[in-house]
Each structure stands twice: as structure tokens, then as C-alpha cells.
Amino acid sequence: AILAGGWARAALYSDTHLEHWSWTRSEQVLSRFLLHYIGGGTRFP
């Protein structure tokens, strides 16, 4: 999406969730966020 001129944002979830909810065009920022981990059960937000 970023290479095509757009933006992205992400949420990680399990029994709780984390968000990077600001739209960004930074691959580095999203990469760092997506490397987090929660563990536990699965509960979609």
C-alpha cells in the first residue's frame, strides 16, 4: 500500500489488543509495531 502511494495502520490482537491507529507511510514505524507479540487466547476486537 505504501509503495503504491498510500497509507497503512495496524492492530495486534489476542485476548487484548494493541493499535497503531495513526495512518502512516513509514515502513519502519509499522515494522517495529508489527514485531510486538501478545500471546494468550484469541478474541477479535
All heavy atoms as atom14 arrays in JSON, in Angstrom:
{
  "sequence": "AILAGGWARAALYSDTHLEHWSWTRSEQVLSRFLLHYIGGGTRFP",
  "atom14_mask": [
    [1, 1, 1, 1, 1, 0, 0, 0, 0, 0, 0, 0, 0, 0],
    [1, 1, 1, 1, 1, 1, 1, 1, 0, 0, 0, 0, 0, 0],
    [1, 1, 1, 1, 1, 1, 1, 1, 0, 0, 0, 0, 0, 0],
    [1, 1, 1, 1, 1, 0, 0, 0, 0, 0, 0, 0, 0, 0],
    [1, 1, 1, 1, 0, 0, 0, 0, 0, 0, 0, 0, 0, 0],
    [1, 1, 1, 1, 0, 0, 0, 0, 0, 0, 0, 0, 0, 0],
    [1, 1, 1, 1, 1, 1, 1, 1, 1, 1, 1, 1, 1, 1],
    [1, 1, 1, 1, 1, 0, 0, 0, 0, 0, 0, 0, 0, 0],
    [1, 1, 1, 1, 1, 1, 1, 1, 1, 1, 1, 0, 0, 0],
    [1, 1, 1, 1, 1, 0, 0, 0, 0, 0, 0, 0, 0, 0],
    [1, 1, 1, 1, 1, 0, 0, 0, 0, 0, 0, 0, 0, 0],
    [1, 1, 1, 1, 1, 1, 1, 1, 0, 0, 0, 0, 0, 0],
    [1, 1, 1, 1, 1, 1, 1, 1, 1, 1, 1, 1, 0, 0],
    [1, 1, 1, 1, 1, 1, 0, 0, 0, 0, 0, 0, 0, 0],
    [1, 1, 1, 1, 1, 1, 1, 1, 0, 0, 0, 0, 0, 0],
    [1, 1, 1, 1, 1, 1, 1, 0, 0, 0, 0, 0, 0, 0],
    [1, 1, 1, 1, 1, 1, 1, 1, 1, 1, 0, 0, 0, 0],
    [1, 1, 1, 1, 1, 1, 1, 1, 0, 0, 0, 0, 0, 0],
    [1, 1, 1, 1, 1, 1, 1, 1, 1, 0, 0, 0, 0, 0],
    [1, 1, 1, 1, 1, 1, 1, 1, 1, 1, 0, 0, 0, 0],
    [1, 1, 1, 1, 1, 1, 1, 1, 1, 1, 1, 1, 1, 1],
    [1, 1, 1, 1, 1, 1, 0, 0, 0, 0, 0, 0, 0, 0],
    [1, 1, 1, 1, 1, 1, 1, 1, 1, 1, 1, 1, 1, 1],
    [1, 1, 1, 1, 1, 1, 1, 0, 0, 0, 0, 0, 0, 0],
    [1, 1, 1, 1, 1, 1, 1, 1, 1, 1, 1, 0, 0, 0],
    [1, 1, 1, 1, 1, 1, 0, 0, 0, 0, 0, 0, 0, 0],
    [1, 1, 1, 1, 1, 1, 1, 1, 1, 0, 0, 0, 0, 0],
    [1, 1, 1, 1, 1, 1, 1, 1, 1, 0, 0, 0, 0, 0],
    [1, 1, 1, 1, 1, 1, 1, 0, 0, 0, 0, 0, 0, 0],
    [1, 1, 1, 1, 1, 1, 1, 1, 0, 0, 0, 0, 0, 0],
    [1, 1, 1, 1, 1, 1, 0, 0, 0, 0, 0, 0, 0, 0],
    [1, 1, 1, 1, 1, 1, 1, 1, 1, 1, 1, 0, 0, 0],
    [1, 1, 1, 1, 1, 1, 1, 1, 1, 1, 1, 0, 0, 0],
    [1, 1, 1, 1, 1, 1, 1, 1, 0, 0, 0, 0, 0, 0],
    [1, 1, 1, 1, 1, 1, 1, 1, 0, 0, 0, 0, 0, 0],
    [1, 1, 1, 1, 1, 1, 1, 1, 1, 1, 0, 0, 0, 0],
    [1, 1, 1, 1, 1, 1, 1, 1, 1, 1, 1, 1, 0, 0],
    [1, 1, 1, 1, 1, 1, 1, 1, 0, 0, 0, 0, 0, 0],
    [1, 1, 1, 1, 0, 0, 0, 0, 0, 0, 0, 0, 0, 0],
    [1, 1, 1, 1, 0, 0, 0, 0, 0, 0, 0, 0, 0, 0],
    [1, 1, 1, 1, 0, 0, 0, 0, 0, 0, 0, 0, 0, 0],
    [1, 1, 1, 1, 1, 1, 1, 0, 0, 0, 0, 0, 0, 0],
    [1, 1, 1, 1, 1, 1, 1, 1, 1, 1, 1, 0, 0, 0],
    [1, 1, 1, 1, 1, 1, 1, 1, 1, 1, 1, 0, 0, 0],
    [1, 1, 1, 1, 1, 1, 1, 0, 0, 0, 0, 0, 0, 0]
  ],
  "atom14_positions": [
    [[0.83, -1.21, 0.0], [0.0, 0.0, 0.0], [0.87, 1.26, 0.0], [0.58, 2.23, -0.71], [-0.92, 0.0, 1.22], [0.0, 0.0, 0.0], [0.0, 0.0, 0.0], [0.0, 0.0, 0.0], [0.0, 0.0, 0.0], [0.0, 0.0, 0.0], [0.0, 0.0, 0.0], [0.0, 0.0, 0.0], [0.0, 0.0, 0.0], [0.0, 0.0, 0.0]],
    [[1.94, 1.24, 0.78], [2.81, 2.42, 0.88], [3.54, 2.66, -0.43], [3.62, 3.79, -0.92], [3.8, 2.24, 2.05], [3.05, 2.3, 3.39], [4.9, 3.3, 2.0], [3.88, 1.89, 4.58], [0.0, 0.0, 0.0], [0.0, 0.0, 0.0], [0.0, 0.0, 0.0], [0.0, 0.0, 0.0], [0.0, 0.0, 0.0], [0.0, 0.0, 0.0]],
    [[4.07, 1.6, -1.05], [4.76, 1.76, -2.33], [3.83, 2.24, -3.43], [4.25, 2.91, -4.37], [5.4, 0.43, -2.75], [6.67, 0.01, -2.0], [7.11, -1.37, -2.46], [7.79, 1.02, -2.23], [0.0, 0.0, 0.0], [0.0, 0.0, 0.0], [0.0, 0.0, 0.0], [0.0, 0.0, 0.0], [0.0, 0.0, 0.0], [0.0, 0.0, 0.0]],
    [[2.55, 1.91, -3.3], [1.57, 2.35, -4.29], [1.07, 3.76, -4.02], [0.14, 4.23, -4.66], [0.39, 1.38, -4.32], [0.0, 0.0, 0.0], [0.0, 0.0, 0.0], [0.0, 0.0, 0.0], [0.0, 0.0, 0.0], [0.0, 0.0, 0.0], [0.0, 0.0, 0.0], [0.0, 0.0, 0.0], [0.0, 0.0, 0.0], [0.0, 0.0, 0.0]],
    [[1.69, 4.44, -3.06], [1.35, 5.83, -2.78], [0.32, 6.01, -1.69], [-0.22, 7.1, -1.52], [0.0, 0.0, 0.0], [0.0, 0.0, 0.0], [0.0, 0.0, 0.0], [0.0, 0.0, 0.0], [0.0, 0.0, 0.0], [0.0, 0.0, 0.0], [0.0, 0.0, 0.0], [0.0, 0.0, 0.0], [0.0, 0.0, 0.0], [0.0, 0.0, 0.0]],
    [[0.04, 4.94, -0.92], [-1.0, 5.01, 0.09], [-0.47, 4.96, 1.51], [0.69, 5.26, 1.78], [0.0, 0.0, 0.0], [0.0, 0.0, 0.0], [0.0, 0.0, 0.0], [0.0, 0.0, 0.0], [0.0, 0.0, 0.0], [0.0, 0.0, 0.0], [0.0, 0.0, 0.0], [0.0, 0.0, 0.0], [0.0, 0.0, 0.0], [0.0, 0.0, 0.0]],
    [[-1.34, 4.54, 2.42], [-1.04, 4.52, 3.85], [-1.46, 3.17, 4.44], [-2.18, 2.39, 3.8], [-1.82, 5.62, 4.58], [-1.45, 7.0, 4.2], [-0.54, 7.82, 4.8], [-1.98, 7.77, 3.1], [-0.47, 9.04, 4.16], [-1.34, 9.04, 3.12], [-2.93, 7.51, 2.12], [-1.63, 10.02, 2.18], [-3.22, 8.49, 1.18], [-2.57, 9.74, 1.22]],
    [[-1.04, 2.93, 5.66], [-1.43, 1.71, 6.37], [-1.48, 1.99, 7.86], [-0.87, 2.94, 8.37], [-0.45, 0.58, 6.07], [0.0, 0.0, 0.0], [0.0, 0.0, 0.0], [0.0, 0.0, 0.0], [0.0, 0.0, 0.0], [0.0, 0.0, 0.0], [0.0, 0.0, 0.0], [0.0, 0.0, 0.0], [0.0, 0.0, 0.0], [0.0, 0.0, 0.0]],
    [[-2.24, 1.15, 8.56], [-2.25, 1.15, 10.02], [-2.57, -0.27, 10.47], [-3.0, -1.1, 9.66], [-3.24, 2.16, 10.59], [-4.71, 1.87, 10.33], [-5.56, 3.0, 10.9], [-6.99, 2.75, 10.79], [-7.92, 3.61, 11.2], [-7.56, 4.78, 11.72], [-9.2, 3.33, 11.09], [0.0, 0.0, 0.0], [0.0, 0.0, 0.0], [0.0, 0.0, 0.0]],
    [[-2.36, -0.57, 11.75], [-2.47, -1.98, 12.16], [-2.93, -2.11, 13.6], [-2.72, -1.21, 14.44], [-1.12, -2.67, 11.98], [0.0, 0.0, 0.0], [0.0, 0.0, 0.0], [0.0, 0.0, 0.0], [0.0, 0.0, 0.0], [0.0, 0.0, 0.0], [0.0, 0.0, 0.0], [0.0, 0.0, 0.0], [0.0, 0.0, 0.0], [0.0, 0.0, 0.0]],
    [[-3.54, -3.25, 13.89], [-3.9, -3.65, 15.25], [-3.43, -5.09, 15.46], [-3.59, -5.94, 14.58], [-5.41, -3.55, 15.48], [0.0, 0.0, 0.0], [0.0, 0.0, 0.0], [0.0, 0.0, 0.0], [0.0, 0.0, 0.0], [0.0, 0.0, 0.0], [0.0, 0.0, 0.0], [0.0, 0.0, 0.0], [0.0, 0.0, 0.0], [0.0, 0.0, 0.0]],
    [[-2.83, -5.36, 16.6], [-2.47, -6.71, 17.02], [-3.49, -7.15, 18.06], [-3.89, -6.36, 18.91], [-1.07, -6.75, 17.62], [0.07, -6.12, 16.83], [1.38, -6.25, 17.61], [0.2, -6.76, 15.46], [0.0, 0.0, 0.0], [0.0, 0.0, 0.0], [0.0, 0.0, 0.0], [0.0, 0.0, 0.0], [0.0, 0.0, 0.0], [0.0, 0.0, 0.0]],
    [[-3.92, -8.41, 17.99], [-4.93, -8.83, 18.96], [-4.74, -10.28, 19.38], [-4.2, -11.1, 18.66], [-6.34, -8.63, 18.38], [-6.74, -9.63, 17.32], [-7.43, -10.8, 17.66], [-6.42, -9.43, 15.98], [-7.8, -11.72, 16.69], [-6.79, -10.34, 15.01], [-7.48, -11.5, 15.37], [-7.83, -12.41, 14.41], [0.0, 0.0, 0.0], [0.0, 0.0, 0.0]],
    [[-5.17, -10.55, 20.59], [-5.36, -11.91, 21.1], [-6.48, -11.8, 22.14], [-7.61, -11.51, 21.77], [-4.07, -12.48, 21.69], [-3.65, -11.7, 22.79], [0.0, 0.0, 0.0], [0.0, 0.0, 0.0], [0.0, 0.0, 0.0], [0.0, 0.0, 0.0], [0.0, 0.0, 0.0], [0.0, 0.0, 0.0], [0.0, 0.0, 0.0], [0.0, 0.0, 0.0]],
    [[-6.18, -11.96, 23.46], [-7.23, -11.72, 24.44], [-7.33, -10.24, 24.79], [-8.26, -9.82, 25.49], [-7.0, -12.56, 25.7], [-5.59, -12.41, 26.24], [-4.81, -11.63, 25.68], [-5.27, -13.11, 27.23], [0.0, 0.0, 0.0], [0.0, 0.0, 0.0], [0.0, 0.0, 0.0], [0.0, 0.0, 0.0], [0.0, 0.0, 0.0], [0.0, 0.0, 0.0]],
    [[-6.38, -9.45, 24.32], [-6.46, -7.99, 24.35], [-5.92, -7.5, 23.01], [-5.67, -8.31, 22.12], [-5.66, -7.4, 25.53], [-5.85, -5.98, 25.56], [-4.17, -7.71, 25.39], [0.0, 0.0, 0.0], [0.0, 0.0, 0.0], [0.0, 0.0, 0.0], [0.0, 0.0, 0.0], [0.0, 0.0, 0.0], [0.0, 0.0, 0.0], [0.0, 0.0, 0.0]],
    [[-5.74, -6.2, 22.82], [-5.22, -5.75, 21.54], [-4.4, -4.48, 21.7], [-4.58, -3.71, 22.65], [-6.35, -5.55, 20.52], [-7.26, -4.39, 20.82], [-8.29, -4.48, 21.71], [-7.28, -3.13, 20.32], [-8.92, -3.32, 21.77], [-8.33, -2.48, 20.94], [0.0, 0.0, 0.0], [0.0, 0.0, 0.0], [0.0, 0.0, 0.0], [0.0, 0.0, 0.0]],
    [[-3.48, -4.3, 20.76], [-2.66, -3.1, 20.65], [-2.92, -2.46, 19.3], [-3.16, -3.15, 18.31], [-1.17, -3.44, 20.77], [-0.69, -4.14, 22.04], [0.77, -4.55, 21.88], [-0.84, -3.22, 23.24], [0.0, 0.0, 0.0], [0.0, 0.0, 0.0], [0.0, 0.0, 0.0], [0.0, 0.0, 0.0], [0.0, 0.0, 0.0], [0.0, 0.0, 0.0]],
    [[-2.86, -1.14, 19.24], [-3.14, -0.45, 17.99], [-2.05, 0.54, 17.63], [-1.51, 1.22, 18.51], [-4.47, 0.33, 18.08], [-5.69, -0.51, 18.35], [-6.91, 0.34, 18.6], [-6.79, 1.59, 18.5], [-7.98, -0.21, 18.89], [0.0, 0.0, 0.0], [0.0, 0.0, 0.0], [0.0, 0.0, 0.0], [0.0, 0.0, 0.0], [0.0, 0.0, 0.0]],
    [[-1.69, 0.58, 16.36], [-1.0, 1.74, 15.79], [-2.01, 2.32, 14.82], [-2.05, 1.96, 13.65], [0.29, 1.34, 15.08], [1.08, 2.53, 14.62], [0.7, 3.31, 13.54], [2.2, 3.11, 15.11], [1.56, 4.29, 13.38], [2.48, 4.19, 14.32], [0.0, 0.0, 0.0], [0.0, 0.0, 0.0], [0.0, 0.0, 0.0], [0.0, 0.0, 0.0]],
    [[-2.86, 3.22, 15.33], [-4.07, 3.6, 14.61], [-3.93, 4.9, 13.85], [-4.9, 5.4, 13.27], [-5.26, 3.64, 15.56], [-6.49, 2.98, 15.03], [-7.75, 3.48, 15.03], [-6.59, 1.68, 14.42], [-8.63, 2.58, 14.47], [-7.94, 1.47, 14.08], [-5.66, 0.68, 14.11], [-8.4, 0.31, 13.45], [-6.1, -0.47, 13.5], [-7.45, -0.64, 13.17]],
    [[-2.74, 5.5, 13.85], [-2.48, 6.67, 13.01], [-2.04, 6.17, 11.64], [-1.13, 5.34, 11.53], [-1.39, 7.55, 13.62], [-1.78, 8.04, 14.88], [0.0, 0.0, 0.0], [0.0, 0.0, 0.0], [0.0, 0.0, 0.0], [0.0, 0.0, 0.0], [0.0, 0.0, 0.0], [0.0, 0.0, 0.0], [0.0, 0.0, 0.0], [0.0, 0.0, 0.0]],
    [[-2.67, 6.69, 10.58], [-2.26, 6.29, 9.23], [-0.83, 6.74, 9.0], [-0.46, 7.87, 9.32], [-3.18, 6.93, 8.19], [-4.58, 6.4, 8.23], [-5.69, 7.03, 8.71], [-5.03, 5.12, 7.76], [-6.79, 6.23, 8.59], [-6.43, 5.05, 8.01], [-4.39, 4.03, 7.17], [-7.19, 3.94, 7.67], [-5.15, 2.92, 6.83], [-6.53, 2.88, 7.08]],
    [[-0.01, 5.86, 8.47], [1.39, 6.18, 8.25], [1.87, 5.67, 6.9], [1.32, 4.71, 6.36], [2.26, 5.57, 9.37], [3.64, 5.94, 9.16], [2.17, 4.05, 9.39], [0.0, 0.0, 0.0], [0.0, 0.0, 0.0], [0.0, 0.0, 0.0], [0.0, 0.0, 0.0], [0.0, 0.0, 0.0], [0.0, 0.0, 0.0], [0.0, 0.0, 0.0]],
    [[2.92, 6.34, 6.38], [3.59, 5.88, 5.18], [5.01, 5.41, 5.52], [5.83, 5.24, 4.62], [3.64, 6.99, 4.13], [2.25, 7.44, 3.66], [2.32, 8.16, 2.35], [2.81, 7.26, 1.32], [3.52, 7.65, 0.26], [3.86, 8.91, 0.13], [3.91, 6.77, -0.63], [0.0, 0.0, 0.0], [0.0, 0.0, 0.0], [0.0, 0.0, 0.0]],
    [[5.27, 5.2, 6.8], [6.6, 4.77, 7.25], [6.64, 3.26, 7.43], [6.0, 2.72, 8.34], [6.96, 5.46, 8.56], [8.15, 4.91, 9.1], [0.0, 0.0, 0.0], [0.0, 0.0, 0.0], [0.0, 0.0, 0.0], [0.0, 0.0, 0.0], [0.0, 0.0, 0.0], [0.0, 0.0, 0.0], [0.0, 0.0, 0.0], [0.0, 0.0, 0.0]],
    [[7.38, 2.58, 6.57], [7.55, 1.13, 6.72], [8.26, 0.8, 8.03], [7.94, -0.2, 8.69], [8.36, 0.57, 5.55], [7.68, 0.7, 4.2], [8.55, 0.14, 3.09], [9.09, -0.97, 3.26], [8.7, 0.82, 2.06], [0.0, 0.0, 0.0], [0.0, 0.0, 0.0], [0.0, 0.0, 0.0], [0.0, 0.0, 0.0], [0.0, 0.0, 0.0]],
    [[9.2, 1.65, 8.43], [9.98, 1.39, 9.64], [9.09, 1.42, 10.88], [9.19, 0.56, 11.75], [11.11, 2.41, 9.76], [12.05, 2.15, 10.92], [13.18, 3.16, 10.97], [12.96, 4.35, 10.7], [14.36, 2.71, 11.31], [0.0, 0.0, 0.0], [0.0, 0.0, 0.0], [0.0, 0.0, 0.0], [0.0, 0.0, 0.0], [0.0, 0.0, 0.0]],
    [[8.21, 2.42, 10.94], [7.32, 2.54, 12.09], [6.4, 1.33, 12.2], [6.25, 0.73, 13.28], [6.48, 3.84, 11.97], [5.33, 3.84, 12.98], [7.37, 5.06, 12.19], [0.0, 0.0, 0.0], [0.0, 0.0, 0.0], [0.0, 0.0, 0.0], [0.0, 0.0, 0.0], [0.0, 0.0, 0.0], [0.0, 0.0, 0.0], [0.0, 0.0, 0.0]],
    [[5.79, 0.92, 11.07], [4.89, -0.23, 11.11], [5.64, -1.52, 11.38], [5.14, -2.42, 12.07], [4.12, -0.33, 9.8], [2.84, 0.5, 9.71], [2.17, 0.3, 8.36], [1.88, 0.16, 10.83], [0.0, 0.0, 0.0], [0.0, 0.0, 0.0], [0.0, 0.0, 0.0], [0.0, 0.0, 0.0], [0.0, 0.0, 0.0], [0.0, 0.0, 0.0]],
    [[6.85, -1.65, 10.84], [7.64, -2.86, 11.08], [7.91, -3.04, 12.57], [7.77, -4.15, 13.11], [8.96, -2.78, 10.31], [8.74, -2.75, 8.92], [0.0, 0.0, 0.0], [0.0, 0.0, 0.0], [0.0, 0.0, 0.0], [0.0, 0.0, 0.0], [0.0, 0.0, 0.0], [0.0, 0.0, 0.0], [0.0, 0.0, 0.0], [0.0, 0.0, 0.0]],
    [[8.29, -1.97, 13.23], [8.57, -2.06, 14.66], [7.32, -2.44, 15.44], [7.37, -3.25, 16.37], [9.11, -0.71, 15.17], [10.54, -0.41, 14.71], [10.96, 0.97, 15.15], [12.35, 1.25, 14.79], [12.94, 2.44, 14.89], [12.25, 3.46, 15.36], [14.19, 2.59, 14.56], [0.0, 0.0, 0.0], [0.0, 0.0, 0.0], [0.0, 0.0, 0.0]],
    [[6.19, -1.86, 15.05], [4.95, -2.17, 15.76], [4.54, -3.63, 15.55], [4.15, -4.32, 16.49], [3.83, -1.25, 15.28], [2.49, -1.6, 15.87], [2.21, -1.31, 17.2], [1.53, -2.25, 15.11], [0.98, -1.66, 17.76], [0.3, -2.6, 15.66], [0.02, -2.3, 16.99], [0.0, 0.0, 0.0], [0.0, 0.0, 0.0], [0.0, 0.0, 0.0]],
    [[4.62, -4.12, 14.31], [4.16, -5.47, 14.0], [5.04, -6.55, 14.63], [4.65, -7.72, 14.66], [4.09, -5.67, 12.48], [2.97, -4.9, 11.77], [3.11, -5.02, 10.25], [1.6, -5.41, 12.21], [0.0, 0.0, 0.0], [0.0, 0.0, 0.0], [0.0, 0.0, 0.0], [0.0, 0.0, 0.0], [0.0, 0.0, 0.0], [0.0, 0.0, 0.0]],
    [[6.2, -6.2, 15.12], [7.08, -7.17, 15.77], [6.72, -7.38, 17.24], [7.38, -8.16, 17.93], [8.54, -6.75, 15.64], [9.13, -6.93, 14.23], [10.53, -6.33, 14.16], [9.18, -8.41, 13.85], [0.0, 0.0, 0.0], [0.0, 0.0, 0.0], [0.0, 0.0, 0.0], [0.0, 0.0, 0.0], [0.0, 0.0, 0.0], [0.0, 0.0, 0.0]],
    [[5.69, -6.69, 17.74], [5.21, -6.94, 19.09], [4.42, -8.25, 19.12], [4.0, -8.77, 18.09], [4.32, -5.79, 19.58], [5.08, -4.54, 19.91], [5.48, -3.64, 18.96], [5.51, -4.04, 21.11], [6.13, -2.64, 19.53], [6.16, -2.86, 20.83], [0.0, 0.0, 0.0], [0.0, 0.0, 0.0], [0.0, 0.0, 0.0], [0.0, 0.0, 0.0]],
    [[4.22, -8.76, 20.3], [3.52, -10.03, 20.48], [2.73, -9.98, 21.78], [3.18, -9.4, 22.77], [4.53, -11.18, 20.52], [3.93, -12.56, 20.6], [3.35, -13.16, 19.48], [3.92, -13.27, 21.8], [2.79, -14.42, 19.54], [3.38, -14.55, 21.87], [2.82, -15.11, 20.74], [2.27, -16.37, 20.8], [0.0, 0.0, 0.0], [0.0, 0.0, 0.0]],
    [[1.52, -10.57, 21.77], [0.67, -10.54, 22.96], [0.56, -11.91, 23.6], [0.77, -12.08, 24.79], [-0.73, -9.99, 22.61], [-0.63, -8.59, 22.0], [-1.61, -9.95, 23.86], [-1.95, -8.03, 21.51], [0.0, 0.0, 0.0], [0.0, 0.0, 0.0], [0.0, 0.0, 0.0], [0.0, 0.0, 0.0], [0.0, 0.0, 0.0], [0.0, 0.0, 0.0]],
    [[0.21, -12.94, 22.81], [0.01, -14.28, 23.36], [-1.38, -14.41, 23.98], [-2.2, -13.5, 23.93], [0.0, 0.0, 0.0], [0.0, 0.0, 0.0], [0.0, 0.0, 0.0], [0.0, 0.0, 0.0], [0.0, 0.0, 0.0], [0.0, 0.0, 0.0], [0.0, 0.0, 0.0], [0.0, 0.0, 0.0], [0.0, 0.0, 0.0], [0.0, 0.0, 0.0]],
    [[-1.68, -15.57, 24.56], [-2.97, -15.78, 25.2], [-4.02, -16.27, 24.2], [-3.7, -16.76, 23.12], [0.0, 0.0, 0.0], [0.0, 0.0, 0.0], [0.0, 0.0, 0.0], [0.0, 0.0, 0.0], [0.0, 0.0, 0.0], [0.0, 0.0, 0.0], [0.0, 0.0, 0.0], [0.0, 0.0, 0.0], [0.0, 0.0, 0.0], [0.0, 0.0, 0.0]],
    [[-5.3, -16.12, 24.57], [-6.39, -16.59, 23.73], [-6.66, -15.65, 22.57], [-6.01, -14.62, 22.4], [0.0, 0.0, 0.0], [0.0, 0.0, 0.0], [0.0, 0.0, 0.0], [0.0, 0.0, 0.0], [0.0, 0.0, 0.0], [0.0, 0.0, 0.0], [0.0, 0.0, 0.0], [0.0, 0.0, 0.0], [0.0, 0.0, 0.0], [0.0, 0.0, 0.0]],
    [[-7.66, -16.03, 21.75], [-7.98, -15.26, 20.54], [-9.33, -14.58, 20.72], [-10.34, -15.25, 20.9], [-8.04, -16.18, 19.31], [-6.8, -16.88, 19.18], [-8.28, -15.36, 18.05], [0.0, 0.0, 0.0], [0.0, 0.0, 0.0], [0.0, 0.0, 0.0], [0.0, 0.0, 0.0], [0.0, 0.0, 0.0], [0.0, 0.0, 0.0], [0.0, 0.0, 0.0]],
    [[-9.33, -13.25, 20.68], [-10.58, -12.5, 20.75], [-10.47, -11.3, 19.81], [-9.82, -10.32, 20.12], [-10.88, -12.05, 22.17], [-12.28, -11.44, 22.33], [-12.65, -11.2, 23.78], [-11.95, -10.08, 24.36], [-11.07, -10.16, 25.35], [-10.74, -11.34, 25.84], [-10.48, -9.08, 25.84], [0.0, 0.0, 0.0], [0.0, 0.0, 0.0], [0.0, 0.0, 0.0]],
    [[-11.1, -11.41, 18.64], [-11.01, -10.34, 17.66], [-11.68, -9.07, 18.19], [-12.78, -9.13, 18.75], [-11.68, -10.76, 16.35], [-11.56, -9.73, 15.26], [-10.4, -9.68, 14.49], [-12.57, -8.82, 15.02], [-10.27, -8.72, 13.49], [-12.45, -7.86, 14.04], [-11.29, -7.81, 13.27], [0.0, 0.0, 0.0], [0.0, 0.0, 0.0], [0.0, 0.0, 0.0]],
    [[-11.05, -7.89, 18.0], [-11.58, -6.63, 18.54], [-12.69, -6.04, 17.66], [-12.48, -5.08, 16.92], [-10.34, -5.73, 18.57], [-9.49, -6.21, 17.45], [-9.72, -7.71, 17.38], [0.0, 0.0, 0.0], [0.0, 0.0, 0.0], [0.0, 0.0, 0.0], [0.0, 0.0, 0.0], [0.0, 0.0, 0.0], [0.0, 0.0, 0.0], [0.0, 0.0, 0.0]]
  ]
}
